[in-house]
């Protein structure tokens, strides 16, 4: 129903957690190179448990390659610099949630290429820098899925 893109992820356990989350929420996971780890990394495997065998994971050489393979869907860039709360959009099947690397977030050039209503953020108390990547993916993905009455869930 939805795609999650991790742009140049750096920390294996975060990606393993997102992999597990994606399986449980029926989402496809796309990873944009370079990755800060190998897909065989033991920390990624530990965080993802046995979900790797069920996960729909695709690795792409670039964001453009990924978006081309997805037929240029509507993309929501998730960033502390986002213009609107993640709860504002009305998500549609096929939408993409794009997240940046843990230590630096999405590059400004990527964010600026998106319409302002597709640059979203998760509200936080002032003075805080960011949320953990896998937690942020969970918050946004579950909101989009909730809007579709958790289609496919038991």
C-alpha atoms as a PDB file:
ATOM      1  CA  UNK A   1       0.000   0.000   0.000  1.00  0.00           C
ATOM      2  CA  UNK A   2       2.845   2.419   0.878  1.00  0.00           C
ATOM      3  CA  UNK A   3       6.549   2.650   0.192  1.00  0.00           C
ATOM      4  CA  UNK A   4       9.169   3.749   2.678  1.00  0.00           C
ATOM      5  CA  UNK A   5      12.462   5.089   1.386  1.00  0.00           C
ATOM      6  CA  UNK A   6      15.505   5.367   3.613  1.00  0.00           C
ATOM      7  CA  UNK A   7      17.947   7.701   1.918  1.00  0.00           C
ATOM      8  CA  UNK A   8      21.529   6.656   2.656  1.00  0.00           C
ATOM      9  CA  UNK A   9      20.770   4.982   6.012  1.00  0.00           C
ATOM     10  CA  UNK A  10      23.746   4.716   8.359  1.00  0.00           C
ATOM     11  CA  UNK A  11      22.793   2.639  11.403  1.00  0.00           C
ATOM     12  CA  UNK A  12      22.044  -1.070  10.858  1.00  0.00           C
ATOM     13  CA  UNK A  13      19.652  -1.583  13.810  1.00  0.00           C
ATOM     14  CA  UNK A  14      17.456   1.308  12.629  1.00  0.00           C
ATOM     15  CA  UNK A  15      17.141  -0.236   9.185  1.00  0.00           C
ATOM     16  CA  UNK A  16      16.491  -3.653  10.731  1.00  0.00           C
ATOM     17  CA  UNK A  17      13.708  -2.151  12.842  1.00  0.00           C
ATOM     18  CA  UNK A  18      12.214  -0.416   9.792  1.00  0.00           C
ATOM     19  CA  UNK A  19      12.433  -3.693   7.876  1.00  0.00           C
ATOM     20  CA  UNK A  20      10.432  -5.443  10.596  1.00  0.00           C
ATOM     21  CA  UNK A  21       7.975  -2.534  10.782  1.00  0.00           C
ATOM     22  CA  UNK A  22       7.473  -2.581   7.009  1.00  0.00           C
ATOM     23  CA  UNK A  23       6.556  -6.261   7.048  1.00  0.00           C
ATOM     24  CA  UNK A  24       4.066  -5.698   9.859  1.00  0.00           C
ATOM     25  CA  UNK A  25       2.474  -2.702   8.113  1.00  0.00           C
ATOM     26  CA  UNK A  26       2.444  -4.177   4.601  1.00  0.00           C
ATOM     27  CA  UNK A  27       4.864  -1.597   3.212  1.00  0.00           C
ATOM     28  CA  UNK A  28       7.717  -1.956   0.760  1.00  0.00           C
ATOM     29  CA  UNK A  29      11.138  -0.751   1.935  1.00  0.00           C
ATOM     30  CA  UNK A  30      13.535   0.987  -0.435  1.00  0.00           C
ATOM     31  CA  UNK A  31      17.132   1.743   0.504  1.00  0.00           C
ATOM     32  CA  UNK A  32      19.186   4.355  -1.325  1.00  0.00           C
ATOM     33  CA  UNK A  33      22.937   3.796  -1.592  1.00  0.00           C
ATOM     34  CA  UNK A  34      25.420   4.303  -0.210  1.00  0.00           C
ATOM     35  CA  UNK A  35      24.395   2.309   2.847  1.00  0.00           C
ATOM     36  CA  UNK A  36      26.403   2.693   6.025  1.00  0.00           C
ATOM     37  CA  UNK A  37      26.445  -1.095   6.439  1.00  0.00           C
ATOM     38  CA  UNK A  38      26.033  -4.375   4.606  1.00  0.00           C
ATOM     39  CA  UNK A  39      22.640  -6.069   4.373  1.00  0.00           C
ATOM     40  CA  UNK A  40      24.382  -9.041   5.986  1.00  0.00           C
ATOM     41  CA  UNK A  41      25.348  -6.956   9.042  1.00  0.00           C
ATOM     42  CA  UNK A  42      24.658  -8.892  12.243  1.00  0.00           C
ATOM     43  CA  UNK A  43      23.128  -5.827  13.950  1.00  0.00           C
ATOM     44  CA  UNK A  44      20.685  -5.360  11.070  1.00  0.00           C
ATOM     45  CA  UNK A  45      19.792  -9.062  11.216  1.00  0.00           C
ATOM     46  CA  UNK A  46      19.368  -8.911  14.991  1.00  0.00           C
ATOM     47  CA  UNK A  47      17.044  -5.884  14.863  1.00  0.00           C
ATOM     48  CA  UNK A  48      15.074  -7.307  11.939  1.00  0.00           C
ATOM     49  CA  UNK A  49      14.867 -10.760  13.533  1.00  0.00           C
ATOM     50  CA  UNK A  50      13.562 -13.290  11.025  1.00  0.00           C
ATOM     51  CA  UNK A  51      11.509 -10.667   9.169  1.00  0.00           C
ATOM     52  CA  UNK A  52      14.209 -10.200   6.503  1.00  0.00           C
ATOM     53  CA  UNK A  53      12.940 -13.258   4.638  1.00  0.00           C
ATOM     54  CA  UNK A  54       9.442 -11.706   4.428  1.00  0.00           C
ATOM     55  CA  UNK A  55      10.482  -8.104   3.859  1.00  0.00           C
ATOM     56  CA  UNK A  56      10.007  -6.542   0.448  1.00  0.00           C
ATOM     57  CA  UNK A  57      13.326  -4.666   0.349  1.00  0.00           C
ATOM     58  CA  UNK A  58      14.864  -3.020  -2.710  1.00  0.00           C
ATOM     59  CA  UNK A  59      18.269  -1.344  -2.896  1.00  0.00           C
ATOM     60  CA  UNK A  60      18.739   1.474  -5.404  1.00  0.00           C
ATOM     61  CA  UNK A  61      21.836   3.284  -6.659  1.00  0.00           C
ATOM     62  CA  UNK A  62      20.114   6.673  -6.400  1.00  0.00           C
ATOM     63  CA  UNK A  63      16.879   8.322  -5.334  1.00  0.00           C
ATOM     64  CA  UNK A  64      16.022   9.000  -8.991  1.00  0.00           C
ATOM     65  CA  UNK A  65      16.469   5.313  -9.836  1.00  0.00           C
ATOM     66  CA  UNK A  66      14.169   4.400  -6.949  1.00  0.00           C
ATOM     67  CA  UNK A  67      11.468   6.898  -7.914  1.00  0.00           C
ATOM     68  CA  UNK A  68      11.656   5.786 -11.551  1.00  0.00           C
ATOM     69  CA  UNK A  69      11.157   2.164 -10.471  1.00  0.00           C
ATOM     70  CA  UNK A  70       8.087   3.266  -8.480  1.00  0.00           C
ATOM     71  CA  UNK A  71       6.656   5.190 -11.475  1.00  0.00           C
ATOM     72  CA  UNK A  72       7.236   8.602  -9.909  1.00  0.00           C
ATOM     73  CA  UNK A  73       4.724   8.449  -7.025  1.00  0.00           C
ATOM     74  CA  UNK A  74       3.715  11.240  -4.674  1.00  0.00           C
ATOM     75  CA  UNK A  75       6.565  11.637  -2.173  1.00  0.00           C
ATOM     76  CA  UNK A  76       6.395  12.980   1.373  1.00  0.00           C
ATOM     77  CA  UNK A  77       9.785  14.096   2.668  1.00  0.00           C
ATOM     78  CA  UNK A  78       9.940  13.722   6.437  1.00  0.00           C
ATOM     79  CA  UNK A  79      12.211  16.237   8.121  1.00  0.00           C
ATOM     80  CA  UNK A  80      12.475  18.484  11.153  1.00  0.00           C
ATOM     81  CA  UNK A  81      12.458  21.223   8.472  1.00  0.00           C
ATOM     82  CA  UNK A  82       9.063  20.078   7.144  1.00  0.00           C
ATOM     83  CA  UNK A  83       6.341  22.653   6.592  1.00  0.00           C
ATOM     84  CA  UNK A  84       3.277  20.705   7.791  1.00  0.00           C
ATOM     85  CA  UNK A  85       2.532  18.108  10.441  1.00  0.00           C
ATOM     86  CA  UNK A  86       2.537  14.481   9.292  1.00  0.00           C
ATOM     87  CA  UNK A  87      -1.157  14.300  10.295  1.00  0.00           C
ATOM     88  CA  UNK A  88      -2.275  16.911   7.739  1.00  0.00           C
ATOM     89  CA  UNK A  89      -1.932  15.061   4.414  1.00  0.00           C
ATOM     90  CA  UNK A  90      -4.621  12.680   3.198  1.00  0.00           C
ATOM     91  CA  UNK A  91      -2.415   9.766   2.252  1.00  0.00           C
ATOM     92  CA  UNK A  92      -3.229   7.700  -0.819  1.00  0.00           C
ATOM     93  CA  UNK A  93      -2.287   4.122  -1.639  1.00  0.00           C
ATOM     94  CA  UNK A  94       1.046   4.225  -3.435  1.00  0.00           C
ATOM     95  CA  UNK A  95       2.370   7.260  -1.553  1.00  0.00           C
ATOM     96  CA  UNK A  96       6.000   7.278  -0.500  1.00  0.00           C
ATOM     97  CA  UNK A  97       7.467   8.373   2.821  1.00  0.00           C
ATOM     98  CA  UNK A  98      11.089   9.513   2.396  1.00  0.00           C
ATOM     99  CA  UNK A  99      13.467   9.695   5.364  1.00  0.00           C
ATOM    100  CA  UNK A 100      17.050  10.943   5.480  1.00  0.00           C
ATOM    101  CA  UNK A 101      20.176   9.539   7.106  1.00  0.00           C
ATOM    102  CA  UNK A 102      20.297   9.502  10.872  1.00  0.00           C
ATOM    103  CA  UNK A 103      23.123  12.004  11.359  1.00  0.00           C
ATOM    104  CA  UNK A 104      22.101  14.689   8.870  1.00  0.00           C
ATOM    105  CA  UNK A 105      18.533  14.208   7.608  1.00  0.00           C
ATOM    106  CA  UNK A 106      17.364  14.771   4.049  1.00  0.00           C
ATOM    107  CA  UNK A 107      19.499  17.143   1.975  1.00  0.00           C
ATOM    108  CA  UNK A 108      17.955  20.563   1.389  1.00  0.00           C
ATOM    109  CA  UNK A 109      18.056  19.984  -2.377  1.00  0.00           C
ATOM    110  CA  UNK A 110      15.734  16.989  -2.011  1.00  0.00           C
ATOM    111  CA  UNK A 111      13.369  18.798   0.356  1.00  0.00           C
ATOM    112  CA  UNK A 112      13.230  21.923  -1.788  1.00  0.00           C
ATOM    113  CA  UNK A 113      12.267  19.841  -4.835  1.00  0.00           C
ATOM    114  CA  UNK A 114       9.066  18.745  -3.053  1.00  0.00           C
ATOM    115  CA  UNK A 115       5.921  20.888  -2.823  1.00  0.00           C
ATOM    116  CA  UNK A 116       5.658  22.487   0.636  1.00  0.00           C
ATOM    117  CA  UNK A 117       2.572  20.389   1.509  1.00  0.00           C
ATOM    118  CA  UNK A 118       4.688  17.257   0.944  1.00  0.00           C
ATOM    119  CA  UNK A 119       7.469  18.363   3.308  1.00  0.00           C
ATOM    120  CA  UNK A 120       6.196  16.988   6.590  1.00  0.00           C
ATOM    121  CA  UNK A 121       7.441  16.918  10.166  1.00  0.00           C
ATOM    122  CA  UNK A 122       6.588  15.197  13.423  1.00  0.00           C
ATOM    123  CA  UNK A 123       5.846  17.787  16.126  1.00  0.00           C
ATOM    124  CA  UNK A 124       8.294  17.783  19.052  1.00  0.00           C
ATOM    125  CA  UNK A 125       8.953  19.914  22.088  1.00  0.00           C
ATOM    126  CA  UNK A 126      11.204  22.920  21.383  1.00  0.00           C
ATOM    127  CA  UNK A 127      14.941  22.425  21.751  1.00  0.00           C
ATOM    128  CA  UNK A 128      14.961  18.808  20.596  1.00  0.00           C
ATOM    129  CA  UNK A 129      16.892  17.873  17.464  1.00  0.00           C
ATOM    130  CA  UNK A 130      15.123  14.828  16.083  1.00  0.00           C
ATOM    131  CA  UNK A 131      13.518  11.463  16.725  1.00  0.00           C
ATOM    132  CA  UNK A 132      15.069   8.051  16.188  1.00  0.00           C
ATOM    133  CA  UNK A 133      14.710   7.090  12.529  1.00  0.00           C
ATOM    134  CA  UNK A 134      12.806   3.851  13.079  1.00  0.00           C
ATOM    135  CA  UNK A 135      10.434   5.581  15.511  1.00  0.00           C
ATOM    136  CA  UNK A 136       9.780   8.365  13.005  1.00  0.00           C
ATOM    137  CA  UNK A 137       9.025   5.842  10.273  1.00  0.00           C
ATOM    138  CA  UNK A 138       6.587   4.070  12.605  1.00  0.00           C
ATOM    139  CA  UNK A 139       4.756   7.288  13.480  1.00  0.00           C
ATOM    140  CA  UNK A 140       4.279   8.407   9.868  1.00  0.00           C
ATOM    141  CA  UNK A 141       3.620   4.990   8.332  1.00  0.00           C
ATOM    142  CA  UNK A 142       1.003   4.089  10.929  1.00  0.00           C
ATOM    143  CA  UNK A 143      -0.786   7.416  10.448  1.00  0.00           C
ATOM    144  CA  UNK A 144      -0.995   6.790   6.705  1.00  0.00           C
ATOM    145  CA  UNK A 145      -2.174   3.221   7.293  1.00  0.00           C
ATOM    146  CA  UNK A 146      -4.691   4.372   9.954  1.00  0.00           C
ATOM    147  CA  UNK A 147      -6.218   6.713   7.393  1.00  0.00           C
ATOM    148  CA  UNK A 148      -6.922   3.593   5.322  1.00  0.00           C
ATOM    149  CA  UNK A 149      -8.529   1.792   8.276  1.00  0.00           C
ATOM    150  CA  UNK A 150      -5.482  -0.482   8.576  1.00  0.00           C
ATOM    151  CA  UNK A 151      -6.330  -2.184   5.271  1.00  0.00           C
ATOM    152  CA  UNK A 152      -5.071  -5.751   5.191  1.00  0.00           C
ATOM    153  CA  UNK A 153      -4.606  -6.041   8.974  1.00  0.00           C
ATOM    154  CA  UNK A 154      -6.166  -8.796  10.965  1.00  0.00           C
END
